[in-house]
Every structure is written in structure tokens, then in C-alpha cells.
Amino acid sequence: RLQNVQVKNGSTVLQQWTFAYSANPIVTWTHPGGQRPIYALTSITPPVGNAWSLTYKPGTLPLGQNPYALERLTLPTGGTSTYTYTSQNFDPGCQVLTIQRPVVSTRATAGRDVVTGTWTYTYSNPGDDGMTTTVTGPSGSGYSEVYVSEGYGAFVVNDPNLWSVGRIRSKTVTDAVQDIEEVYTWEEGDLLSGDTRYISNWVGCGSLRYDPQIKFVKPDTVTRT
């Protein structure tokens, strides 16, 4: 775990950021090499001034209620962001299988130097051709953000363009004055790994399907309109 970041002049510490964590691990990750405890970041103390503080949902909650998820972020100025979560159905590619995953539902902001209000988040099924995430600003603000990403609804098994799934297509920001749309263009890059992987129910049901090799995706081109 990262304990601190220091800026030095020779052996003299000029500035230091300090990171604190939960006293006990929030979960233990089991991997082929053994087990690794995972701790939650609870505060970041800058060289001068108050710390950032983070609190989390209880680990005793059911999985669908997102145990250990970030519940509140407190800024050094005293401003806060408080998060709530809900369950969202996601279709992993099998028509008879739907998986529920916890997602951010609202973010309420308050306190000093922060605009008070509640932001809402809604999602479309990533199995759709063009999955959408919508962020709506506080009531009366007229503000929203709409992100459209590549879904896998239009793809088939072993489709050579599966690398593009999840890449953002467009971002539209609307406020009381104007709409700004950014359109992203992605280009397939070089092959990073020739390893093949198999994922159950990637497309279709009841069998293992081929997942293309990992490829580097070149940086996007953004066009504003």
C-alpha cells in the first residue's frame, strides 16, 4: 500500500502527501499465488490543510447493495459527495441469462464551495447496440451528460471488431446555454497478446465462446459539433 508521496531536495523533505487505510481488510483476494488482503483508502492528507476523507458502505450488506462501495467523499474545504446505488440488469450475451450488478444511482453534493444538489445516473443494457449512460444534473439546472458506447448487440462470435466493445462513441453535454457533442473515432492497433481466452456465455447460451486476443487501441480522435 502506498503510504506517502514526498518531494525532496536531497535528503530534505519539502512536501509530503500521506495516505491512510482501513484498519482491517475489506476483502481478501485469492489468486494462484495465494491470498492478498485489500484495504480501503480512508484519507489523503496534503502537505498543508485538511485531508480528503472517504467512507464506505458496510461490508455486511448483501452483494446487490454494493458492500464496501464508496458512500461519502469529504473535500478539504468541507464539501461532500454522498453516493447511493441500485441494481442494474446486464445481459452478458446469453438471451436467457441476465446478471444484476450494483451501479451508482445518485450523487448528492453539499457543503462549502460545492453546488448543492442531486445528480442522477441511468444506464441502458450493455447488450444493446449502442449502450448509453445518462448523467442528469440537479433539478432546474438543465444540465446533462449522455455517453454512448459500443455495445455488443450487433456482433457475432469471433467477430474481428469485438475489440471495440465498450469504447465510447459520443459524449453530449447539455446546459442552459448550449449542446456540445464530441464524436470519437477509434482505430484498432497492434496485437499485444496472442493468447486465446474462453468466456462462458459471451454470445449464445450453454457453451464456451472465443474471446479475441488482446489488442492495443490507438488514441481516439474527437470531433466537436
Protein backbone atom coordinates (compact mmCIF):
# COMPACT_ATOMS: atom_id res chain seq x y z
CA ARG A 1 0.00 0.00 0.00
CA LEU A 2 1.16 3.49 -0.82
CA GLN A 3 1.92 5.26 2.48
CA ASN A 4 3.19 8.66 1.35
CA VAL A 5 4.50 10.70 -1.54
CA GLN A 6 7.39 13.04 -0.83
CA VAL A 7 9.06 15.90 -2.66
CA LYS A 8 12.69 16.14 -1.59
CA ASN A 9 15.70 18.36 -2.03
CA GLY A 10 18.47 15.91 -1.40
CA SER A 11 17.54 14.24 1.87
CA THR A 12 15.30 17.12 2.99
CA VAL A 13 11.55 16.52 2.68
CA LEU A 14 9.90 19.64 1.24
CA GLN A 15 6.35 18.32 0.89
CA GLN A 16 4.53 15.14 1.80
CA TRP A 17 1.14 13.61 0.99
CA THR A 18 0.05 10.88 3.44
CA PHE A 19 -2.40 8.05 2.70
CA ALA A 20 -4.38 6.20 5.40
CA TYR A 21 -6.36 2.98 5.09
CA SER A 22 -8.95 0.93 6.93
CA ALA A 23 -7.63 -0.93 9.97
CA ASN A 24 -8.88 -4.25 8.62
CA PRO A 25 -9.02 -5.55 5.04
CA ILE A 26 -12.37 -5.11 3.35
CA VAL A 27 -11.91 -8.24 1.28
CA THR A 28 -9.27 -10.88 0.63
CA TRP A 29 -8.32 -11.54 -2.97
CA THR A 30 -7.49 -15.17 -3.75
CA HIS A 31 -5.19 -15.76 -6.70
CA PRO A 32 -2.95 -18.60 -7.92
CA GLY A 33 -0.05 -17.31 -5.83
CA GLY A 34 -2.02 -17.20 -2.60
CA GLN A 35 -4.16 -14.55 -0.90
CA ARG A 36 -3.84 -10.79 -0.71
CA PRO A 37 -5.79 -8.56 1.73
CA ILE A 38 -7.36 -5.46 0.17
CA TYR A 39 -7.67 -2.32 2.32
CA ALA A 40 -9.87 0.73 1.72
CA LEU A 41 -8.35 4.17 1.33
CA THR A 42 -9.82 6.36 4.12
CA SER A 43 -7.95 9.66 3.89
CA ILE A 44 -5.39 11.66 1.92
CA THR A 45 -3.57 14.36 3.86
CA PRO A 46 -1.83 17.06 1.77
CA PRO A 47 1.28 18.95 2.87
CA VAL A 48 -0.89 21.84 4.11
CA GLY A 49 -4.54 21.98 5.10
CA ASN A 50 -7.28 19.49 5.77
CA ALA A 51 -7.47 15.97 4.41
CA TRP A 52 -9.74 14.30 1.89
CA SER A 53 -11.88 11.76 3.77
CA LEU A 54 -13.59 8.66 2.34
CA THR A 55 -16.20 6.44 4.00
CA TYR A 56 -17.70 3.22 2.66
CA LYS A 57 -20.87 1.19 2.86
CA PRO A 58 -20.82 -1.62 5.46
CA GLY A 59 -19.32 -4.88 4.34
CA THR A 60 -22.21 -6.79 5.93
CA LEU A 61 -24.65 -5.63 3.24
CA PRO A 62 -25.90 -8.11 0.60
CA LEU A 63 -23.88 -8.17 -2.61
CA GLY A 64 -26.68 -6.47 -4.56
CA GLN A 65 -26.45 -3.44 -2.23
CA ASN A 66 -22.76 -2.92 -3.05
CA PRO A 67 -20.93 -3.57 0.22
CA TYR A 68 -17.68 -1.64 0.63
CA ALA A 69 -18.69 0.86 -2.08
CA LEU A 70 -17.74 4.49 -1.62
CA GLU A 71 -20.52 6.18 0.35
CA ARG A 72 -19.17 9.67 1.05
CA LEU A 73 -16.25 11.79 -0.08
CA THR A 74 -15.41 14.84 2.04
CA LEU A 75 -13.18 17.50 0.49
CA PRO A 76 -10.63 19.57 2.42
CA THR A 77 -12.97 22.56 2.05
CA GLY A 78 -15.79 20.70 3.80
CA GLY A 79 -17.81 19.94 0.67
CA THR A 80 -19.25 16.44 0.42
CA SER A 81 -20.44 13.99 -2.22
CA THR A 82 -22.71 11.20 -0.99
CA TYR A 83 -23.47 8.21 -3.23
CA THR A 84 -26.37 5.78 -3.45
CA TYR A 85 -26.53 2.62 -5.52
CA THR A 86 -29.08 0.46 -7.25
CA SER A 87 -29.09 -2.82 -9.15
CA GLN A 88 -28.94 -2.78 -12.93
CA ASN A 89 -29.69 -5.74 -15.19
CA PHE A 90 -26.90 -6.55 -17.62
CA ASP A 91 -27.23 -9.05 -20.42
CA PRO A 92 -23.84 -10.75 -20.94
CA GLY A 93 -24.82 -12.05 -24.35
CA CYS A 94 -27.00 -15.01 -23.48
CA GLN A 95 -30.67 -14.37 -24.11
CA VAL A 96 -31.80 -16.43 -21.13
CA LEU A 97 -29.23 -15.09 -18.68
CA THR A 98 -29.44 -11.68 -17.02
CA ILE A 99 -26.95 -10.57 -14.37
CA GLN A 100 -27.63 -7.86 -11.79
CA ARG A 101 -24.80 -5.54 -10.87
CA PRO A 102 -24.78 -2.62 -8.41
CA VAL A 103 -24.29 0.77 -10.05
CA VAL A 104 -24.24 4.40 -8.89
CA SER A 105 -27.77 5.78 -8.80
CA THR A 106 -27.36 9.26 -7.26
CA ARG A 107 -24.65 11.62 -6.09
CA ALA A 108 -25.73 14.32 -3.63
CA THR A 109 -23.39 17.29 -3.23
CA ALA A 110 -23.38 19.81 -0.39
CA GLY A 111 -21.15 21.95 1.80
CA ARG A 112 -18.71 24.74 1.33
CA ASP A 113 -17.62 25.66 -2.22
CA VAL A 114 -19.89 22.95 -3.68
CA VAL A 115 -23.11 23.41 -5.63
CA THR A 116 -25.86 21.75 -3.57
CA GLY A 117 -28.00 19.26 -5.45
CA THR A 118 -28.51 15.67 -6.52
CA TRP A 119 -27.13 14.12 -9.69
CA THR A 120 -28.82 11.03 -11.11
CA TYR A 121 -27.31 8.23 -13.21
CA THR A 122 -29.21 5.89 -15.55
CA TYR A 123 -27.94 3.11 -17.80
CA SER A 124 -29.03 1.04 -20.74
CA ASN A 125 -28.29 -2.65 -21.10
CA PRO A 126 -24.74 -3.13 -22.45
CA GLY A 127 -26.11 -5.89 -24.66
CA ASP A 128 -27.76 -3.16 -26.72
CA ASP A 129 -26.22 -1.87 -29.93
CA GLY A 130 -25.09 1.46 -28.50
CA MET A 131 -25.24 1.31 -24.71
CA THR A 132 -25.99 4.63 -23.05
CA THR A 133 -25.15 6.22 -19.70
CA THR A 134 -27.02 9.40 -18.79
CA VAL A 135 -26.00 11.81 -16.03
CA THR A 136 -28.64 14.39 -15.10
CA GLY A 137 -27.77 17.46 -13.05
CA PRO A 138 -29.69 18.87 -10.09
CA SER A 139 -33.32 19.87 -10.61
CA GLY A 140 -33.63 23.12 -12.52
CA SER A 141 -30.03 23.14 -13.72
CA GLY A 142 -30.82 22.00 -17.27
CA TYR A 143 -27.55 20.10 -17.23
CA SER A 144 -27.00 16.58 -18.54
CA GLU A 145 -24.29 14.35 -19.95
CA VAL A 146 -25.05 11.46 -22.31
CA TYR A 147 -22.37 8.87 -23.10
CA VAL A 148 -22.97 6.40 -25.93
CA SER A 149 -20.57 3.46 -26.14
CA GLU A 150 -20.18 0.45 -28.39
CA GLY A 151 -22.41 -2.39 -27.25
CA TYR A 152 -22.04 -5.95 -28.44
CA GLY A 153 -25.60 -6.43 -29.65
CA ALA A 154 -24.52 -6.17 -33.30
CA PHE A 155 -21.58 -8.57 -33.02
CA VAL A 156 -21.34 -12.30 -33.59
CA VAL A 157 -18.99 -15.00 -32.32
CA ASN A 158 -15.37 -14.40 -33.39
CA ASP A 159 -16.26 -11.01 -34.88
CA PRO A 160 -12.92 -9.28 -35.67
CA ASN A 161 -14.27 -5.99 -34.34
CA LEU A 162 -15.07 -7.18 -30.82
CA TRP A 163 -12.10 -5.13 -29.63
CA SER A 164 -14.28 -2.03 -29.98
CA VAL A 165 -16.91 -3.11 -27.43
CA GLY A 166 -17.03 -0.62 -24.57
CA ARG A 167 -15.30 2.18 -26.49
CA ILE A 168 -17.10 5.49 -26.27
CA ARG A 169 -18.84 6.64 -29.48
CA SER A 170 -20.02 10.05 -28.39
CA LYS A 171 -20.46 12.39 -25.44
CA THR A 172 -23.12 15.09 -25.41
CA VAL A 173 -23.11 17.80 -22.74
CA THR A 174 -26.21 19.96 -22.41
CA ASP A 175 -26.60 23.02 -20.21
CA ALA A 176 -28.88 26.04 -20.14
CA VAL A 177 -26.94 27.68 -22.98
CA GLN A 178 -25.84 25.05 -25.50
CA ASP A 179 -25.32 21.43 -26.52
CA ILE A 180 -21.79 20.20 -27.19
CA GLU A 181 -21.31 16.83 -28.85
CA GLU A 182 -17.97 15.05 -29.08
CA VAL A 183 -17.77 12.16 -31.55
CA TYR A 184 -14.96 9.66 -31.01
CA THR A 185 -13.23 7.64 -33.71
CA TRP A 186 -11.18 4.61 -32.69
CA GLU A 187 -8.57 2.69 -34.63
CA GLU A 188 -7.51 -0.86 -34.00
CA GLY A 189 -3.88 -1.13 -33.05
CA ASP A 190 -1.23 -3.81 -32.83
CA LEU A 191 -1.68 -7.22 -31.25
CA LEU A 192 -0.37 -7.26 -27.68
CA SER A 193 -1.03 -10.90 -26.85
CA GLY A 194 -1.60 -13.98 -28.96
CA ASP A 195 -3.20 -15.82 -26.05
CA THR A 196 -6.73 -17.06 -26.55
CA ARG A 197 -9.30 -16.91 -23.79
CA TYR A 198 -12.67 -18.52 -23.36
CA ILE A 199 -15.65 -16.93 -21.65
CA SER A 200 -18.87 -18.75 -20.86
CA ASN A 201 -21.98 -17.29 -22.48
CA TRP A 202 -20.18 -14.45 -24.28
CA VAL A 203 -22.61 -14.84 -27.20
CA GLY A 204 -25.30 -17.51 -27.18
CA CYS A 205 -26.04 -19.99 -24.42
CA GLY A 206 -24.65 -23.15 -22.96
CA SER A 207 -21.18 -23.22 -24.50
CA LEU A 208 -17.80 -21.56 -24.36
CA ARG A 209 -17.10 -18.88 -26.92
CA TYR A 210 -13.89 -17.46 -28.29
CA ASP A 211 -12.72 -14.10 -26.96
CA PRO A 212 -10.33 -12.35 -29.40
CA GLN A 213 -6.74 -11.72 -28.47
CA ILE A 214 -5.92 -8.56 -26.56
CA LYS A 215 -5.09 -5.67 -28.87
CA PHE A 216 -3.79 -2.16 -28.34
CA VAL A 217 -6.33 0.51 -29.30
CA LYS A 218 -4.86 3.70 -30.65
CA PRO A 219 -5.88 7.02 -29.07
CA ASP A 220 -9.20 8.40 -30.20
CA THR A 221 -9.97 11.33 -32.43
CA VAL A 222 -12.54 13.74 -31.02
CA THR A 223 -14.74 15.93 -33.20
CA ARG A 224 -16.79 18.69 -31.55
CA THR A 225 -20.02 19.96 -33.03
